[in-house]
């Protein structure tokens, strides 16, 4: 069954809480409800922020099941189903479809460094495994390859349900290039919190955000202002949040956001899995200083 729900606005790339080496499902459920009550427009489990590389096969599926069940249809759930192995990406996409997600976030194959033709063939194979919306995820800093605009254009022309791009290349020009090539038939979402407003100023329709794990209401307000065309007020919100947008990536994601969530009492542990390591004392002091500054400004 196809999903007709829009993937726009403020969508949270969920952390996967851990405790004593296992997924902390009670924390995950609490976080899902906090997000929805705070006004976000969608949830992405098992993405990079969810530490997908260190979740085993069964854990990834259980996390997705948990988020779908807890969301109860209140917001779309877009599961991370990408892989650098086309066969695995197809299998995970088919499974997620049957598990009741509303769409799939499919990252460019990492490490392999395929050609643009290889990318087109990879995403085509995944697209043919489902009729639900696919969000192409271009993040060359992690993958070593960018999904070319021509590939996006070709996929959009061939597959009606490939109509979203999470753009995390750090380049506002890319938003313009994608929209010039595909027009309004493609929805671009920012993949970088700090670039959400600049991207939206040239046509992006929202963000898949890390910071919203904690600051869901505040980021949603900024995004909604931009969607309503009130960029003056949106800019005020952006400037207030900007120190957090930057500091939340003082170390590798999701290490800082997990420390912030634990401090706020939304998860019981800031545990991450190797090769990630806990937030250093110096970074913790910097992060918590920014958190306190934002609290004062409220």
Protein backbone atom coordinates (compact mmCIF):
# COMPACT_ATOMS: atom_id res chain seq x y z
CA UNK A 1 0.00 0.00 0.00
CA UNK A 2 1.37 3.40 -0.98
CA UNK A 3 1.73 6.20 1.57
CA UNK A 4 0.05 9.51 0.73
CA UNK A 5 1.34 11.37 3.79
CA UNK A 6 3.64 14.30 3.06
CA UNK A 7 7.25 14.11 4.18
CA UNK A 8 7.73 17.79 4.92
CA UNK A 9 8.34 19.98 7.94
CA UNK A 10 10.33 18.78 10.94
CA UNK A 11 11.31 15.12 10.92
CA UNK A 12 13.47 13.67 13.70
CA UNK A 13 16.36 11.30 13.05
CA UNK A 14 15.90 9.30 16.24
CA UNK A 15 18.73 8.16 18.45
CA UNK A 16 18.71 4.51 19.50
CA UNK A 17 18.98 4.52 23.31
CA UNK A 18 21.17 1.83 24.83
CA UNK A 19 21.57 0.59 28.38
CA UNK A 20 24.05 -2.06 29.48
CA UNK A 21 24.76 -2.97 25.88
CA UNK A 22 21.13 -3.52 24.82
CA UNK A 23 18.53 -1.34 23.16
CA UNK A 24 16.58 0.55 25.86
CA UNK A 25 13.08 0.21 24.42
CA UNK A 26 11.36 2.03 27.29
CA UNK A 27 13.56 5.05 26.58
CA UNK A 28 12.83 4.76 22.87
CA UNK A 29 9.08 4.76 23.46
CA UNK A 30 9.38 7.77 25.76
CA UNK A 31 11.38 9.60 23.12
CA UNK A 32 8.86 8.82 20.36
CA UNK A 33 6.02 10.25 22.44
CA UNK A 34 8.04 13.32 23.38
CA UNK A 35 8.66 13.99 19.70
CA UNK A 36 5.04 13.66 18.68
CA UNK A 37 3.73 15.76 21.57
CA UNK A 38 6.30 18.43 20.65
CA UNK A 39 4.86 18.81 17.16
CA UNK A 40 7.29 17.05 14.84
CA UNK A 41 6.05 15.79 11.47
CA UNK A 42 7.83 12.45 11.16
CA UNK A 43 10.30 9.99 12.66
CA UNK A 44 13.34 8.27 11.17
CA UNK A 45 14.47 5.20 13.12
CA UNK A 46 17.67 3.31 12.27
CA UNK A 47 19.44 6.09 10.44
CA UNK A 48 22.97 7.31 11.12
CA UNK A 49 21.78 9.07 14.28
CA UNK A 50 20.26 5.75 15.34
CA UNK A 51 23.70 4.10 15.08
CA UNK A 52 22.52 1.78 12.32
CA UNK A 53 26.06 0.51 11.56
CA UNK A 54 26.29 -1.08 15.03
CA UNK A 55 22.76 -2.47 15.27
CA UNK A 56 22.57 -6.12 14.36
CA UNK A 57 19.91 -7.43 11.99
CA UNK A 58 17.37 -8.30 14.68
CA UNK A 59 17.93 -5.12 16.69
CA UNK A 60 17.33 -2.90 13.66
CA UNK A 61 14.04 -4.64 12.95
CA UNK A 62 12.92 -4.48 16.58
CA UNK A 63 13.68 -0.74 16.74
CA UNK A 64 11.61 -0.12 13.61
CA UNK A 65 8.75 -2.28 14.95
CA UNK A 66 8.85 -0.40 18.25
CA UNK A 67 8.71 3.04 16.60
CA UNK A 68 5.87 2.04 14.25
CA UNK A 69 3.88 0.59 17.15
CA UNK A 70 4.47 3.57 19.46
CA UNK A 71 3.78 6.17 16.76
CA UNK A 72 0.37 4.55 16.16
CA UNK A 73 -0.03 6.35 12.87
CA UNK A 74 0.16 9.80 14.46
CA UNK A 75 3.12 10.80 12.27
CA UNK A 76 4.87 9.08 9.34
CA UNK A 77 7.67 6.66 10.15
CA UNK A 78 10.49 6.62 7.59
CA UNK A 79 12.82 3.71 8.26
CA UNK A 80 16.49 3.72 7.38
CA UNK A 81 16.88 0.75 5.02
CA UNK A 82 20.00 1.68 3.07
CA UNK A 83 23.13 -0.43 2.71
CA UNK A 84 26.28 -0.57 0.64
CA UNK A 85 25.05 -4.01 -0.43
CA UNK A 86 22.19 -3.69 -2.92
CA UNK A 87 20.74 -7.09 -2.02
CA UNK A 88 20.62 -6.18 1.68
CA UNK A 89 19.03 -2.79 0.93
CA UNK A 90 16.32 -4.53 -1.11
CA UNK A 91 15.66 -7.09 1.63
CA UNK A 92 15.47 -4.46 4.36
CA UNK A 93 13.22 -2.23 2.26
CA UNK A 94 10.80 -5.08 1.58
CA UNK A 95 10.75 -6.04 5.23
CA UNK A 96 10.15 -2.45 6.39
CA UNK A 97 7.33 -2.07 3.87
CA UNK A 98 5.59 -5.13 5.32
CA UNK A 99 6.27 -3.90 8.88
CA UNK A 100 4.06 -0.87 8.24
CA UNK A 101 6.46 2.03 7.78
CA UNK A 102 5.32 4.97 5.68
CA UNK A 103 8.54 5.28 3.70
CA UNK A 104 12.24 4.47 3.55
CA UNK A 105 15.38 6.56 3.88
CA UNK A 106 17.98 5.04 1.56
CA UNK A 107 21.52 6.33 1.88
CA UNK A 108 24.04 6.29 -0.96
CA UNK A 109 26.19 3.15 -0.78
CA UNK A 110 29.18 3.91 1.42
CA UNK A 111 32.78 2.69 1.09
CA UNK A 112 32.21 1.00 -2.31
CA UNK A 113 32.31 4.36 -4.12
CA UNK A 114 30.09 3.34 -7.05
CA UNK A 115 29.91 5.35 -10.26
CA UNK A 116 26.85 7.48 -10.94
CA UNK A 117 25.52 4.69 -13.13
CA UNK A 118 26.05 2.28 -10.25
CA UNK A 119 24.07 4.61 -7.99
CA UNK A 120 21.24 4.77 -10.50
CA UNK A 121 21.10 0.98 -10.75
CA UNK A 122 21.29 0.56 -6.96
CA UNK A 123 18.45 2.97 -6.23
CA UNK A 124 16.41 1.59 -9.13
CA UNK A 125 16.65 -1.91 -7.67
CA UNK A 126 15.52 -0.64 -4.27
CA UNK A 127 12.69 1.39 -5.79
CA UNK A 128 11.37 -1.69 -7.53
CA UNK A 129 11.11 -3.47 -4.16
CA UNK A 130 8.39 -1.15 -2.82
CA UNK A 131 5.66 1.26 -3.85
CA UNK A 132 6.10 3.39 -0.73
CA UNK A 133 8.01 6.67 -0.84
CA UNK A 134 11.78 6.54 -0.91
CA UNK A 135 13.90 9.38 0.43
CA UNK A 136 17.28 9.46 -1.32
CA UNK A 137 19.98 10.35 1.20
CA UNK A 138 23.05 12.11 -0.19
CA UNK A 139 25.81 12.60 2.38
CA UNK A 140 29.16 12.50 0.57
CA UNK A 141 31.15 13.26 3.72
CA UNK A 142 30.20 9.86 5.12
CA UNK A 143 29.71 7.89 1.91
CA UNK A 144 32.53 9.15 -0.29
CA UNK A 145 30.12 9.68 -3.18
CA UNK A 146 27.40 12.22 -3.97
CA UNK A 147 24.11 11.31 -5.60
CA UNK A 148 24.39 13.36 -8.76
CA UNK A 149 21.56 15.67 -9.81
CA UNK A 150 21.27 13.77 -13.07
CA UNK A 151 20.75 10.53 -11.14
CA UNK A 152 18.02 12.13 -9.03
CA UNK A 153 16.40 13.45 -12.22
CA UNK A 154 16.50 10.02 -13.89
CA UNK A 155 15.11 8.24 -10.84
CA UNK A 156 12.33 10.80 -10.47
CA UNK A 157 11.35 10.35 -14.10
CA UNK A 158 11.23 6.56 -13.79
CA UNK A 159 9.73 6.08 -10.32
CA UNK A 160 6.83 8.18 -9.05
CA UNK A 161 7.57 7.22 -5.44
CA UNK A 162 11.19 8.45 -5.56
CA UNK A 163 10.29 12.06 -4.87
CA UNK A 164 12.30 13.10 -1.81
CA UNK A 165 15.94 13.94 -1.18
CA UNK A 166 17.68 14.35 2.15
CA UNK A 167 20.52 16.67 1.18
CA UNK A 168 23.49 16.63 3.55
CA UNK A 169 26.31 17.82 1.35
CA UNK A 170 26.53 21.22 3.02
CA UNK A 171 25.88 23.12 -0.20
CA UNK A 172 22.91 25.42 -0.76
CA UNK A 173 23.62 25.31 -4.51
CA UNK A 174 22.61 21.66 -4.55
CA UNK A 175 19.07 22.52 -3.46
CA UNK A 176 18.76 24.93 -6.37
CA UNK A 177 20.29 22.44 -8.79
CA UNK A 178 17.91 19.66 -7.76
CA UNK A 179 14.85 21.89 -7.96
CA UNK A 180 15.94 23.41 -11.27
CA UNK A 181 16.24 19.90 -12.69
CA UNK A 182 13.13 18.34 -11.15
CA UNK A 183 10.89 21.26 -10.23
CA UNK A 184 8.28 20.86 -7.54
CA UNK A 185 8.00 17.14 -8.24
CA UNK A 186 10.86 16.60 -5.75
CA UNK A 187 10.83 17.53 -2.07
CA UNK A 188 14.25 18.48 -0.70
CA UNK A 189 14.88 18.14 3.03
CA UNK A 190 17.92 19.51 4.79
CA UNK A 191 20.19 16.92 6.35
CA UNK A 192 22.15 19.54 8.32
CA UNK A 193 20.46 21.34 11.21
CA UNK A 194 22.50 24.51 10.77
CA UNK A 195 21.55 24.75 7.08
CA UNK A 196 17.83 24.17 7.46
CA UNK A 197 16.83 27.80 7.08
CA UNK A 198 19.30 28.60 4.26
CA UNK A 199 18.07 25.51 2.39
CA UNK A 200 14.44 26.45 2.93
CA UNK A 201 15.10 29.95 1.61
CA UNK A 202 15.75 28.43 -1.83
CA UNK A 203 12.99 25.83 -1.78
CA UNK A 204 13.65 22.99 0.68
CA UNK A 205 10.55 21.91 2.58
CA UNK A 206 11.97 21.02 5.97
CA UNK A 207 14.64 19.04 7.76
CA UNK A 208 15.53 15.56 8.95
CA UNK A 209 17.04 16.75 12.19
CA UNK A 210 19.33 15.53 14.95
CA UNK A 211 18.79 18.49 17.28
CA UNK A 212 15.03 17.85 17.42
CA UNK A 213 15.65 14.78 19.55
CA UNK A 214 15.82 17.39 22.34
CA UNK A 215 14.68 20.71 20.80
CA UNK A 216 11.72 19.40 18.82
CA UNK A 217 9.28 22.19 19.59
CA UNK A 218 11.80 24.96 18.98
CA UNK A 219 13.02 23.66 15.62
CA UNK A 220 9.47 22.87 14.50
CA UNK A 221 8.49 26.47 15.21
CA UNK A 222 11.36 27.76 13.06
CA UNK A 223 10.53 25.38 10.21
CA UNK A 224 6.82 26.20 10.32
CA UNK A 225 7.59 29.92 10.16
CA UNK A 226 9.72 29.32 7.07
CA UNK A 227 7.04 27.15 5.46
CA UNK A 228 4.58 29.99 6.07
CA UNK A 229 6.96 32.41 4.35
CA UNK A 230 7.79 34.38 7.51
CA UNK A 231 11.55 34.29 7.10
CA UNK A 232 12.11 37.31 9.34
CA UNK A 233 10.77 35.49 12.39
CA UNK A 234 12.31 32.21 11.26
CA UNK A 235 15.69 33.93 11.11
CA UNK A 236 15.32 35.09 14.72
CA UNK A 237 14.63 31.49 15.77
CA UNK A 238 17.56 30.22 13.69
CA UNK A 239 19.97 32.68 15.25
CA UNK A 240 18.91 31.67 18.76
CA UNK A 241 19.31 27.98 17.98
CA UNK A 242 22.44 28.29 15.85
CA UNK A 243 24.93 27.77 18.74
CA UNK A 244 23.17 24.47 19.47
CA UNK A 245 23.09 23.50 15.80
CA UNK A 246 26.87 23.81 15.74
CA UNK A 247 27.75 22.48 19.20
CA UNK A 248 25.63 19.36 18.83
CA UNK A 249 28.24 18.16 16.34
CA UNK A 250 31.28 19.01 18.45
CA UNK A 251 32.01 15.26 18.32
CA UNK A 252 30.65 12.53 16.08
CA UNK A 253 26.86 12.27 15.93
CA UNK A 254 25.04 10.95 17.98
CA UNK A 255 27.48 11.25 20.88
CA UNK A 256 26.61 14.85 21.87
CA UNK A 257 22.84 14.54 21.41
CA UNK A 258 22.77 11.43 23.59
CA UNK A 259 24.64 13.27 26.35
CA UNK A 260 22.15 16.13 26.08
CA UNK A 261 19.16 13.77 26.14
CA UNK A 262 20.45 11.98 29.23
CA UNK A 263 21.01 15.30 30.99
CA UNK A 264 17.43 16.30 30.17
CA UNK A 265 16.10 13.00 31.55
CA UNK A 266 14.66 11.82 28.23
CA UNK A 267 16.91 8.76 28.08
CA UNK A 268 18.49 6.97 31.02
CA UNK A 269 21.97 6.53 29.54
CA UNK A 270 24.16 8.32 26.99
CA UNK A 271 25.75 5.01 26.03
CA UNK A 272 27.03 4.65 22.46
CA UNK A 273 28.56 1.65 20.71
CA UNK A 274 32.10 1.31 19.49
CA UNK A 275 33.83 2.60 17.54
CA UNK A 276 32.08 5.67 18.97
CA UNK A 277 33.23 6.70 22.44
CA UNK A 278 31.61 8.77 25.21
CA UNK A 279 31.69 12.55 25.03
CA UNK A 280 34.96 13.93 26.39
CA UNK A 281 34.92 16.09 29.51
CA UNK A 282 35.99 19.16 27.51
CA UNK A 283 33.23 18.71 24.93
CA UNK A 284 30.69 17.92 27.65
CA UNK A 285 31.46 21.21 29.39
CA UNK A 286 31.10 23.13 26.12
CA UNK A 287 27.84 21.41 25.18
CA UNK A 288 26.25 21.82 28.59
CA UNK A 289 27.26 25.49 28.61
CA UNK A 290 25.30 26.04 25.39
CA UNK A 291 22.35 24.06 26.77
CA UNK A 292 22.31 26.29 29.85
CA UNK A 293 22.58 29.43 27.72
CA UNK A 294 19.55 28.44 25.67
CA UNK A 295 17.59 27.66 28.81
CA UNK A 296 18.35 31.13 30.17
CA UNK A 297 17.30 32.80 26.92
CA UNK A 298 13.92 31.07 27.04
